[in-house]
Structure formats: structure tokens, C-alpha cells
Amino acid sequence: MADIFSLIDEYKELLDKKDELKEATTDNNKALEAKRKELAQAMIDAESPKVSRGGFLYSLQDKTKYNKIG
């Protein structure tokens, strides 16, 4: 029986870690989105639609959003 209890404890620890990682991922995604907007605005302000740094090319894209009119 003791083996089952240790497995339950390990399982519970993994569930707790999963919840922590989910929260950390959510926070990280929010920070990424905010930084993406900040970077886009800086590129617009500098009138620089393309920037290369560290082997990556960053560019602005026009997006058209459509609303369904009911």
C-alpha cells in the first residue's frame, strides 16, 4: 500500500506543477503580446517596416479585419 501512496503523492506533485506551468505560460503569452505591440509601434514610429537582428527579420504586416454585419 505504501507504494500506492507514494505514487499518489508524485501524481499530485505533477498536477501541481502542470498548474504552475499553465499559469506561467499564460503570463508569458500576455507579456509576449504586449511586447509585440510595443515593438510594432516602435517600428511604425521609426518608419522602419523591416528590421534584422540576431539572424531574424522582423516586419510589419497589414491586417484587414472584417465584421459580420447581421
C-alpha atoms as a PDB file:
ATOM      1  CA  MET A   1       0.000   0.000   0.000  1.00  0.00           C
ATOM      2  CA  ALA A   2       2.832   2.389   0.771  1.00  0.00           C
ATOM      3  CA  ASP A   3       3.897   2.253  -2.872  1.00  0.00           C
ATOM      4  CA  ILE A   4       0.433   3.424  -3.966  1.00  0.00           C
ATOM      5  CA  PHE A   5       0.574   6.351  -1.557  1.00  0.00           C
ATOM      6  CA  SER A   6       3.947   7.468  -2.895  1.00  0.00           C
ATOM      7  CA  LEU A   7       2.617   7.217  -6.448  1.00  0.00           C
ATOM      8  CA  ILE A   8      -0.394   9.327  -5.474  1.00  0.00           C
ATOM      9  CA  ASP A   9       1.927  11.935  -3.940  1.00  0.00           C
ATOM     10  CA  GLU A  10       4.090  12.012  -7.066  1.00  0.00           C
ATOM     11  CA  TYR A  11       0.980  12.291  -9.257  1.00  0.00           C
ATOM     12  CA  LYS A  12      -0.314  15.189  -7.152  1.00  0.00           C
ATOM     13  CA  GLU A  13       3.065  16.952  -7.450  1.00  0.00           C
ATOM     14  CA  LEU A  14       2.909  16.604 -11.230  1.00  0.00           C
ATOM     15  CA  LEU A  15      -0.623  18.021 -11.308  1.00  0.00           C
ATOM     16  CA  ASP A  16       0.504  20.981  -9.200  1.00  0.00           C
ATOM     17  CA  LYS A  17       3.466  21.580 -11.481  1.00  0.00           C
ATOM     18  CA  LYS A  18       1.171  21.417 -14.521  1.00  0.00           C
ATOM     19  CA  ASP A  19      -1.000  24.157 -12.996  1.00  0.00           C
ATOM     20  CA  GLU A  20       2.068  26.294 -12.245  1.00  0.00           C
ATOM     21  CA  LEU A  21       3.354  25.877 -15.799  1.00  0.00           C
ATOM     22  CA  LYS A  22      -0.065  26.731 -17.240  1.00  0.00           C
ATOM     23  CA  GLU A  23      -0.158  29.953 -15.235  1.00  0.00           C
ATOM     24  CA  ALA A  24       3.432  30.791 -16.206  1.00  0.00           C
ATOM     25  CA  THR A  25       2.621  30.159 -19.872  1.00  0.00           C
ATOM     26  CA  THR A  26      -0.440  32.408 -19.696  1.00  0.00           C
ATOM     27  CA  ASP A  27       1.602  35.190 -18.087  1.00  0.00           C
ATOM     28  CA  ASN A  28       4.366  34.749 -20.664  1.00  0.00           C
ATOM     29  CA  ASN A  29       1.883  34.902 -23.561  1.00  0.00           C
ATOM     30  CA  LYS A  30       0.447  38.163 -22.207  1.00  0.00           C
ATOM     31  CA  ALA A  31       3.968  39.626 -21.914  1.00  0.00           C
ATOM     32  CA  LEU A  32       4.774  38.488 -25.460  1.00  0.00           C
ATOM     33  CA  GLU A  33       1.645  40.137 -26.856  1.00  0.00           C
ATOM     34  CA  ALA A  34       2.369  43.403 -25.043  1.00  0.00           C
ATOM     35  CA  LYS A  35       5.977  43.395 -26.279  1.00  0.00           C
ATOM     36  CA  ARG A  36       4.829  42.587 -29.840  1.00  0.00           C
ATOM     37  CA  LYS A  37       2.537  45.622 -29.787  1.00  0.00           C
ATOM     38  CA  GLU A  38       5.294  47.799 -28.323  1.00  0.00           C
ATOM     39  CA  LEU A  39       7.755  46.634 -30.993  1.00  0.00           C
ATOM     40  CA  ALA A  40       5.255  47.227 -33.796  1.00  0.00           C
ATOM     41  CA  GLN A  41       4.559  50.751 -32.545  1.00  0.00           C
ATOM     42  CA  ALA A  42       8.297  51.498 -32.283  1.00  0.00           C
ATOM     43  CA  MET A  43       8.796  50.285 -35.860  1.00  0.00           C
ATOM     44  CA  ILE A  44       5.893  52.456 -37.041  1.00  0.00           C
ATOM     45  CA  ASP A  45       7.238  55.490 -35.173  1.00  0.00           C
ATOM     46  CA  ALA A  46      10.708  54.950 -36.664  1.00  0.00           C
ATOM     47  CA  GLU A  47       9.185  54.411 -40.131  1.00  0.00           C
ATOM     48  CA  SER A  48      11.139  51.190 -40.343  1.00  0.00           C
ATOM     49  CA  PRO A  49       8.848  48.391 -41.630  1.00  0.00           C
ATOM     50  CA  LYS A  50      11.663  45.808 -41.634  1.00  0.00           C
ATOM     51  CA  VAL A  51      14.419  45.259 -39.086  1.00  0.00           C
ATOM     52  CA  SER A  52      17.005  42.477 -38.988  1.00  0.00           C
ATOM     53  CA  ARG A  53      18.633  41.434 -35.732  1.00  0.00           C
ATOM     54  CA  GLY A  54      20.258  38.267 -34.465  1.00  0.00           C
ATOM     55  CA  GLY A  55      19.569  36.386 -37.677  1.00  0.00           C
ATOM     56  CA  PHE A  56      15.847  37.170 -37.582  1.00  0.00           C
ATOM     57  CA  LEU A  57      13.885  39.562 -39.786  1.00  0.00           C
ATOM     58  CA  TYR A  58      11.067  41.452 -38.134  1.00  0.00           C
ATOM     59  CA  SER A  59       8.500  43.112 -40.382  1.00  0.00           C
ATOM     60  CA  LEU A  60       5.133  44.780 -40.090  1.00  0.00           C
ATOM     61  CA  GLN A  61       2.089  43.292 -41.786  1.00  0.00           C
ATOM     62  CA  ASP A  62      -1.160  44.960 -42.724  1.00  0.00           C
ATOM     63  CA  LYS A  63      -4.143  43.060 -41.459  1.00  0.00           C
ATOM     64  CA  THR A  64      -7.679  43.650 -42.576  1.00  0.00           C
ATOM     65  CA  LYS A  65     -10.387  42.706 -40.142  1.00  0.00           C
ATOM     66  CA  TYR A  66     -13.902  42.065 -41.328  1.00  0.00           C
ATOM     67  CA  ASN A  67     -17.006  42.298 -39.210  1.00  0.00           C
ATOM     68  CA  LYS A  68     -20.069  40.280 -39.990  1.00  0.00           C
ATOM     69  CA  ILE A  69     -22.969  42.652 -40.327  1.00  0.00           C
ATOM     70  CA  GLY A  70     -26.138  40.981 -39.178  1.00  0.00           C
END
